[in-house]
Protein backbone atom coordinates (compact mmCIF):
# COMPACT_ATOMS: atom_id res chain seq x y z
CA MET A 1 66.71 -61.16 -86.45
CA LYS A 2 64.81 -57.53 -86.27
CA LEU A 3 66.03 -55.94 -83.54
CA ILE A 4 64.10 -53.71 -81.13
CA SER A 5 65.01 -50.41 -80.31
CA PRO A 6 65.41 -49.07 -76.70
CA VAL A 7 62.87 -46.47 -77.06
CA PHE A 8 60.41 -48.73 -78.51
CA LEU A 9 61.15 -51.12 -75.73
CA ALA A 10 61.01 -48.70 -73.02
CA ALA A 11 57.47 -47.49 -74.43
CA ALA A 12 56.28 -51.16 -73.59
CA LEU A 13 57.38 -50.89 -70.40
CA VAL A 14 55.84 -48.43 -69.70
CA THR A 15 52.56 -49.04 -70.83
CA GLY A 16 52.75 -52.36 -69.20
CA THR A 17 53.27 -51.32 -65.93
CA ALA A 18 50.37 -48.81 -66.60
CA GLN A 19 48.02 -51.88 -67.87
CA ALA A 20 48.81 -53.40 -64.42
CA GLU A 21 48.06 -50.88 -61.97
CA GLN A 22 44.31 -50.85 -60.89
CA THR A 23 42.77 -48.27 -59.76
CA ILE A 24 41.25 -49.35 -56.37
CA THR A 25 38.48 -46.15 -54.77
CA LEU A 26 38.54 -46.48 -50.65
CA ALA A 27 35.63 -44.24 -48.95
CA TYR A 28 35.97 -43.11 -45.81
CA GLU A 29 34.47 -41.01 -42.99
CA ASN A 30 33.98 -37.09 -43.49
CA VAL A 31 34.59 -35.94 -40.57
CA ASP A 32 37.68 -35.68 -39.02
CA SER A 33 37.95 -38.91 -36.60
CA PHE A 34 41.79 -37.70 -34.89
CA PRO A 35 44.15 -39.23 -35.30
CA TRP A 36 42.79 -42.00 -37.92
CA ASN A 37 41.76 -39.86 -40.83
CA MET A 38 40.75 -36.34 -41.28
CA LYS A 39 38.88 -34.09 -43.99
CA ASP A 40 42.15 -32.44 -45.54
CA GLY A 41 43.37 -35.62 -46.60
CA SER A 42 45.84 -36.53 -43.09
CA GLY A 43 45.61 -39.17 -40.36
CA ILE A 44 47.25 -42.10 -39.46
CA ASP A 45 45.27 -44.55 -41.34
CA LEU A 46 46.10 -42.40 -44.28
CA ILE A 47 49.63 -42.85 -43.79
CA LEU A 48 49.62 -46.66 -43.64
CA LEU A 49 47.44 -46.83 -46.90
CA ASN A 50 49.80 -44.29 -48.52
CA MET A 51 52.78 -46.59 -48.01
CA THR A 52 50.69 -49.61 -48.70
CA ASP A 53 49.91 -47.91 -52.00
CA ASP A 54 53.80 -46.81 -52.59
CA ALA A 55 54.60 -50.89 -51.75
CA LEU A 56 52.49 -52.33 -54.36
CA PRO A 57 53.29 -50.78 -58.00
CA GLU A 58 50.17 -52.90 -59.43
CA VAL A 59 47.41 -51.00 -57.38
CA LYS A 60 46.93 -47.18 -56.82
CA PHE A 61 44.25 -46.06 -54.08
CA LYS A 62 41.74 -43.23 -55.22
CA TYR A 63 40.04 -41.52 -51.94
CA ILE A 64 37.10 -40.26 -51.90
CA GLN A 65 35.08 -38.99 -48.39
CA LEU A 66 30.94 -39.80 -48.08
CA PRO A 67 28.74 -40.54 -44.74
CA TRP A 68 29.59 -43.21 -43.14
CA GLN A 69 26.87 -45.15 -43.82
CA ARG A 70 27.19 -43.96 -47.48
CA CYS A 71 30.24 -45.97 -47.54
CA LEU A 72 29.00 -49.03 -46.50
CA HIS A 73 25.94 -49.07 -49.25
CA ASN A 74 28.98 -48.13 -51.68
CA ILE A 75 31.06 -51.51 -50.99
CA GLU A 76 27.72 -53.29 -50.46
CA ASN A 77 26.75 -52.77 -54.13
CA GLY A 78 29.83 -52.41 -55.50
CA ILE A 79 30.51 -48.60 -56.33
CA SER A 80 34.03 -48.73 -54.31
CA GLU A 81 36.31 -51.21 -54.02
CA GLY A 82 37.02 -50.76 -50.57
CA CYS A 83 36.00 -48.33 -47.21
CA PHE A 84 38.41 -47.69 -43.84
CA THR A 85 38.04 -47.82 -40.68
CA ALA A 86 35.45 -50.26 -39.49
CA SER A 87 35.51 -51.92 -36.47
CA TYR A 88 33.42 -55.56 -36.62
CA LYS A 89 30.11 -56.07 -36.62
CA GLU A 90 27.74 -59.20 -37.47
CA LYS A 91 25.50 -56.81 -39.80
CA ARG A 92 27.87 -55.13 -41.66
CA LYS A 93 29.42 -58.54 -43.26
CA LYS A 94 26.29 -57.96 -45.58
CA HIS A 95 27.58 -55.05 -46.77
CA GLY A 96 31.59 -56.62 -47.74
CA PHE A 97 34.26 -58.07 -46.62
CA TYR A 98 36.27 -57.67 -43.73
CA PRO A 99 40.09 -59.70 -43.70
CA GLY A 100 39.19 -63.31 -42.88
CA THR A 101 35.39 -63.33 -43.32
CA HIS A 102 35.82 -63.61 -47.08
CA THR A 103 37.14 -67.31 -46.21
CA GLY A 104 33.51 -67.72 -44.06
CA GLY A 105 35.88 -67.25 -40.95
CA GLU A 106 35.86 -64.37 -38.55
CA PRO A 107 37.28 -61.33 -39.03
CA ASP A 108 41.45 -61.60 -37.99
CA PRO A 109 42.83 -58.79 -36.31
CA GLY A 110 46.18 -59.31 -37.67
CA LEU A 111 45.11 -57.91 -40.40
CA ARG A 112 44.01 -54.74 -38.72
CA LEU A 113 44.89 -51.08 -39.87
CA HIS A 114 44.63 -50.43 -36.61
CA SER A 115 43.75 -50.76 -33.03
CA SER A 116 41.65 -48.38 -31.02
CA SER A 117 40.70 -48.25 -27.37
CA TYR A 118 37.32 -46.23 -26.79
CA SER A 119 37.10 -44.47 -23.45
CA LEU A 120 34.40 -43.24 -20.75
CA TYR A 121 34.49 -39.41 -20.49
CA VAL A 122 32.36 -38.03 -17.28
CA ALA A 123 32.46 -34.75 -14.84
CA LYS A 124 35.54 -34.07 -13.18
CA ASP A 125 33.54 -34.97 -9.61
CA SER A 126 31.75 -37.79 -10.84
CA SER A 127 32.19 -40.80 -8.97
CA ILE A 128 31.56 -43.23 -12.00
CA ASN A 129 33.67 -45.87 -12.69
CA VAL A 130 34.72 -48.77 -15.79
CA SER A 131 35.69 -51.53 -13.77
CA GLY A 132 35.88 -53.98 -16.73
CA LYS A 133 35.45 -54.51 -20.72
CA MET A 134 32.11 -52.59 -21.28
CA THR A 135 30.75 -53.01 -17.34
CA ILE A 136 30.36 -48.80 -15.70
CA GLU A 137 29.90 -48.44 -12.28
CA GLY A 138 27.68 -45.73 -11.12
CA LEU A 139 26.02 -44.55 -14.23
CA THR A 140 23.01 -43.70 -14.27
CA GLY A 141 21.39 -41.45 -16.39
CA LYS A 142 22.59 -41.17 -19.94
CA VAL A 143 25.84 -42.18 -22.04
CA ALA A 144 26.34 -40.22 -24.89
CA ALA A 145 28.41 -42.22 -28.03
CA PRO A 146 28.97 -40.62 -31.66
CA ALA A 147 25.61 -41.84 -34.32
CA GLY A 148 26.43 -44.49 -36.43
CA TYR A 149 29.57 -45.98 -34.67
CA SER A 150 29.50 -49.49 -33.00
CA ILE A 151 30.07 -48.42 -29.38
CA GLY A 152 26.97 -47.05 -29.32
CA ASP A 153 24.95 -50.38 -30.17
CA ASP A 154 27.81 -51.88 -27.29
CA LEU A 155 26.45 -50.50 -24.58
CA ALA A 156 22.70 -50.65 -25.50
CA LYS A 157 23.71 -53.86 -26.16
CA ALA A 158 25.29 -53.86 -22.59
CA GLY A 159 21.67 -52.14 -20.44
CA TYR A 160 22.69 -48.72 -20.94
CA GLN A 161 21.08 -45.74 -21.43
CA VAL A 162 22.59 -44.13 -24.93
CA ASP A 163 22.43 -41.10 -26.40
CA ALA A 164 23.28 -41.27 -30.10
CA LYS A 165 22.04 -38.16 -31.54
CA SER A 166 24.98 -36.65 -32.45
CA SER A 167 28.10 -37.62 -34.60
CA LYS A 168 30.65 -35.61 -32.92
CA THR A 169 32.12 -36.40 -29.74
CA PHE A 170 33.32 -32.67 -29.18
CA GLN A 171 29.20 -32.45 -29.56
CA ASN A 172 29.17 -34.66 -26.58
CA PHE A 173 31.47 -33.00 -24.77
CA GLN A 174 29.69 -29.92 -24.57
CA LYS A 175 26.41 -31.58 -23.37
CA LEU A 176 28.22 -33.49 -20.86
CA ALA A 177 29.80 -30.18 -19.46
CA SER A 178 26.15 -28.67 -19.57
CA GLY A 179 24.46 -31.72 -17.69
CA ARG A 180 22.71 -33.20 -20.24
CA VAL A 181 24.34 -36.52 -20.17
CA ASP A 182 25.66 -38.41 -17.33
CA ALA A 183 28.99 -39.89 -19.53
CA VAL A 184 30.42 -39.93 -22.90
CA ALA A 185 32.03 -42.67 -24.47
CA ALA A 186 34.33 -41.85 -27.05
CA LEU A 187 37.57 -43.01 -29.22
CA SER A 188 40.32 -42.19 -26.56
CA LEU A 189 43.02 -40.66 -28.95
CA ASN A 190 39.83 -38.21 -30.40
CA GLY A 191 38.71 -37.48 -26.57
CA ASP A 192 41.96 -36.58 -25.08
CA ASN A 193 43.12 -34.94 -28.39
CA ILE A 194 39.58 -32.68 -27.32
CA LEU A 195 40.40 -32.46 -24.04
CA ALA A 196 44.20 -31.14 -24.50
CA LYS A 197 42.86 -28.28 -27.01
CA ASN A 198 40.05 -27.07 -25.56
CA ALA A 199 40.54 -25.66 -21.64
CA LYS A 200 36.29 -25.07 -21.37
CA PHE A 201 35.86 -29.18 -21.63
CA SER A 202 39.29 -30.49 -19.87
CA GLY A 203 38.27 -27.85 -16.62
CA LYS A 204 35.10 -29.72 -16.14
CA ILE A 205 35.58 -33.54 -17.32
CA LYS A 206 38.15 -36.33 -16.83
CA ALA A 207 38.87 -39.51 -18.63
CA VAL A 208 38.52 -42.55 -16.62
CA GLU A 209 41.28 -44.60 -16.71
CA THR A 210 40.36 -47.77 -17.29
CA PRO A 211 39.54 -48.26 -21.12
CA LEU A 212 35.60 -49.46 -21.80
CA VAL A 213 37.01 -51.52 -25.01
CA ASP A 214 40.25 -51.95 -27.01
CA LYS A 215 39.09 -53.05 -30.88
CA PRO A 216 40.75 -53.33 -33.80
CA TYR A 217 39.60 -51.73 -37.18
CA TYR A 218 40.08 -53.10 -40.62
CA LEU A 219 39.95 -51.91 -44.37
CA MET A 220 37.03 -53.49 -45.61
CA PHE A 221 36.12 -54.79 -49.18
CA SER A 222 33.28 -55.27 -51.25
CA LYS A 223 32.29 -58.76 -51.76
CA GLN A 224 32.24 -57.86 -55.94
CA PHE A 225 36.15 -56.57 -55.66
CA VAL A 226 37.24 -59.97 -53.72
CA ASN A 227 35.44 -62.42 -55.77
CA GLY A 228 37.09 -60.98 -58.86
CA ASN A 229 40.54 -60.32 -56.90
CA LYS A 230 40.81 -62.22 -54.06
CA ALA A 231 44.90 -62.38 -54.37
CA LEU A 232 45.44 -58.79 -55.09
CA ALA A 233 42.88 -57.75 -51.91
CA GLU A 234 44.48 -60.35 -49.48
CA LYS A 235 47.86 -58.99 -50.70
CA ILE A 236 46.48 -55.37 -49.76
CA TRP A 237 45.61 -56.44 -46.62
CA ALA A 238 48.58 -58.56 -45.69
CA LYS A 239 50.86 -55.47 -46.94
CA ALA A 240 49.25 -53.02 -44.73
CA ALA A 241 49.79 -55.51 -41.78
CA GLU A 242 53.42 -55.76 -42.49
CA LEU A 243 54.22 -51.78 -42.65
CA ARG A 244 51.92 -51.32 -40.02
CA GLU A 245 55.08 -53.08 -37.47
CA THR A 246 57.43 -51.02 -39.11
CA GLN A 247 59.53 -48.73 -37.90
CA GLU A 248 59.38 -46.06 -40.90
CA TYR A 249 55.31 -46.12 -40.31
CA LYS A 250 55.77 -45.93 -36.35
CA ASP A 251 57.98 -42.70 -37.17
CA LYS A 252 55.67 -40.85 -39.86
CA ALA A 253 52.72 -41.70 -36.93
CA GLY A 254 54.36 -40.29 -34.72
CA GLU A 255 55.51 -37.22 -36.87
CA PHE A 256 52.10 -36.54 -37.32
CA LEU A 257 50.76 -36.99 -33.71
CA ALA A 258 53.05 -34.55 -32.37
CA LYS A 259 51.99 -31.93 -34.88
C-alpha cells in the first residue's frame, strides 16, 4: 500500500478548502446609513454579514459601495451576487430575489437582516402628529424623504406632497429647520442620531413619538446567483437570521451603537 505523506495530505486539504470557498460580491449604498452600514465599512448590517461569513466556510463575502440604483442594476444584470439592505417594493422583484420570492412567495420577514422604523420629524412647536401607519394629522405642506428610498413612494401613495430631492436626512433637516418643508420622514435611528449630535437641529426639531412605519430590510440576491446556487443562497439567508438573534450579535451591535 502506498502511504500518503502528512505534508501532501495537509496541502490537499487546504487546496480542497480553498476550492470550496466561493466569493460572493455584495453591494451596498455609498452613503452613511447609521447604524446599518457606513462608508468606512462599519455598521450593524456589516457586523451581521461578517459573522455570517465567518460561520460559513464555503463562502467569502466581498463588499463594494455604489449608488443605490447601481446596486440594484448590478444584481439585475448578474454583475454582483447580492445587495443590501432592501425594503420590499414590488418593482424591485425584477432586479433580484428577496428570501421567499425565489420560490414564488412573498418576502419572509423572518429572514430579514433587520427591521427599521421610519419616524416623522417636525418643528418643536408643530402640532403635526402620526395617528397610525402612514397616517399624518395636521400636515398641509411637504414632507421631505430621502431620494430613492421606499418611504417617499409610500408617502406619495398615501396622498402626501413629498420632497425627495435630497438623499441625506441631514439635508432634509436643514430644509425643515429653515421652513422649506413641514416635516421630514427618516429612519428613526438615523434621524435620532443626527439630532443627538447637532444642537442646531435638536433645538428646533423633534421626533413624533409614533413611527410612520416599521419595515423589514433584506439581503437580495441576483436571479442568476440563486438559480445556480439555490441551496447556498437559502443557507446564507437562514444563517444570518439565526445569528441576528444571538447574544453575540446583540453585544457587538450594542458596542457599535455605544461608540
